[in-house]
Protein backbone atom coordinates (compact mmCIF):
# COMPACT_ATOMS: atom_id res chain seq x y z
CA MET A 1 14.48 -0.54 16.19
CA ARG A 2 10.79 0.09 15.54
CA PHE A 3 8.62 -2.20 13.48
CA GLU A 4 6.48 -0.19 11.04
CA LEU A 5 3.70 -1.55 8.88
CA THR A 6 3.64 1.39 6.46
CA ASN A 7 6.27 3.08 4.34
CA TYR A 8 5.56 6.51 5.85
CA SER A 9 5.83 8.22 9.20
CA ASP A 10 5.88 11.66 10.75
CA HIS A 11 9.17 13.51 10.35
CA PRO A 12 11.29 12.94 13.49
CA GLU A 13 12.26 16.63 13.83
CA GLU A 14 9.64 18.59 11.88
CA PRO A 15 6.08 17.79 13.00
CA THR A 16 4.59 19.58 9.98
CA TRP A 17 6.04 17.00 7.56
CA ILE A 18 5.34 13.37 6.76
CA VAL A 19 8.11 11.25 5.18
CA PHE A 20 7.51 8.46 2.65
CA ARG A 21 10.21 5.80 2.17
CA PHE A 22 10.64 3.72 -0.98
CA ALA A 23 13.09 0.89 -1.57
CA GLN A 24 13.22 1.40 -5.34
CA ALA A 25 13.88 4.63 -7.23
CA HIS A 26 11.31 4.01 -9.97
CA ILE A 27 8.49 3.61 -7.43
CA ALA A 28 9.55 6.81 -5.65
CA GLN A 29 9.62 8.61 -9.00
CA GLU A 30 6.14 7.34 -9.86
CA PHE A 31 4.93 8.60 -6.47
CA ILE A 32 6.42 12.02 -7.21
CA VAL A 33 4.76 12.15 -10.64
CA GLU A 34 1.38 11.33 -9.05
CA LEU A 35 1.89 13.98 -6.35
CA GLU A 36 2.63 16.58 -9.03
CA ARG A 37 -0.43 15.48 -11.03
CA GLU A 38 -2.59 16.06 -7.92
CA GLY A 39 -0.91 19.39 -7.17
CA VAL A 40 0.61 18.21 -3.87
CA LYS A 41 3.82 20.05 -3.04
CA HIS A 42 6.66 17.84 -1.88
CA GLU A 43 10.39 17.64 -1.32
CA ARG A 44 12.69 14.74 -2.09
CA ASP A 45 15.93 13.70 -0.47
CA GLU A 46 18.74 14.60 -2.86
CA ASN A 47 21.22 12.23 -1.17
CA GLY A 48 19.88 9.29 -3.13
CA GLY A 49 19.06 6.04 -1.49
CA PRO A 50 17.87 3.51 -0.74
CA PRO A 51 15.66 4.33 0.97
CA PHE A 52 14.41 7.01 -1.38
CA LEU A 53 12.70 9.66 0.74
CA VAL A 54 9.88 12.02 -0.21
CA GLY A 55 8.51 14.62 2.20
CA VAL A 56 4.97 16.02 2.11
CA LYS A 57 3.37 18.63 4.37
CA GLN A 58 0.95 17.21 6.96
CA HIS A 59 -2.01 19.18 5.58
CA HIS A 60 -1.73 17.06 2.37
CA ARG A 61 -1.55 13.82 4.37
CA GLU A 62 -4.85 12.29 3.23
CA ARG A 63 -4.19 12.83 -0.48
CA ALA A 64 -0.54 11.78 -0.21
CA VAL A 65 -1.39 8.54 1.63
CA ARG A 66 -4.07 7.71 -0.96
CA ILE A 67 -1.56 8.32 -3.79
CA ASN A 68 1.06 6.27 -1.92
CA TYR A 69 -1.20 3.23 -1.61
CA SER A 70 -2.27 3.56 -5.24
CA VAL A 71 1.34 3.57 -6.44
CA LEU A 72 2.36 0.71 -4.14
CA GLY A 73 -0.67 -1.29 -5.24
CA ARG A 74 0.46 -1.17 -8.86
CA HIS A 75 3.78 -2.76 -7.91
CA ARG A 76 2.72 -5.43 -5.43
CA LYS A 77 2.70 -9.13 -6.15
CA PRO A 78 -0.64 -10.97 -6.00
CA PHE A 79 -1.45 -12.65 -2.68
CA MET A 80 -1.91 -15.98 -4.45
CA GLY A 81 0.05 -15.75 -7.67
CA ASP A 82 -0.54 -19.32 -8.79
CA PRO A 83 -3.93 -19.51 -10.57
CA VAL A 84 -4.43 -23.20 -9.75
CA LEU A 85 -3.95 -22.53 -6.02
CA ARG A 86 -6.19 -19.46 -6.19
CA TRP A 87 -9.05 -21.36 -7.84
CA SER A 88 -8.59 -24.36 -5.56
CA VAL A 89 -8.95 -22.17 -2.48
CA PHE A 90 -11.98 -20.43 -4.03
CA VAL A 91 -13.70 -23.75 -4.81
CA LEU A 92 -12.90 -25.12 -1.35
CA VAL A 93 -14.34 -22.05 0.39
CA ALA A 94 -17.42 -22.06 -1.86
CA LEU A 95 -17.99 -25.74 -1.10
CA ALA A 96 -17.67 -25.11 2.65
CA VAL A 97 -20.23 -22.27 2.44
CA VAL A 98 -22.66 -24.42 0.43
CA LEU A 99 -22.32 -27.28 2.93
CA ALA A 100 -22.82 -24.91 5.86
CA VAL A 101 -25.97 -23.41 4.33
CA ALA A 102 -27.28 -26.88 3.42
CA GLY A 103 -26.65 -28.11 6.96
CA MET A 104 -28.43 -25.09 8.41
CA VAL A 105 -31.44 -25.56 6.13
CA MET A 106 -31.70 -29.31 6.78
CA SER A 107 -31.48 -28.89 10.57
CA LYS A 108 -34.65 -26.78 10.70
């Protein structure tokens, strides 16, 4: 089994295609809508899923990958969802930077 960081890869049998995999049908459908809006031709796996598969020709790779990340970005959870934790980390980092700059200035 291969570990992949992205939800797309080259087609295992057809080198002219790239295959995008989605775990949820509504995200795959949103990807398809965005591809159509950009005029990128595609094919979808009619067998259903999951995974829900969408194929795009390699010469549309750059646009398709950009659309893919845009769609996935709309559905991702925030890195730090808790606002108190997020602001605490921000304040802590800001304080560390201020102390570092102050230490550098005072040592000269």
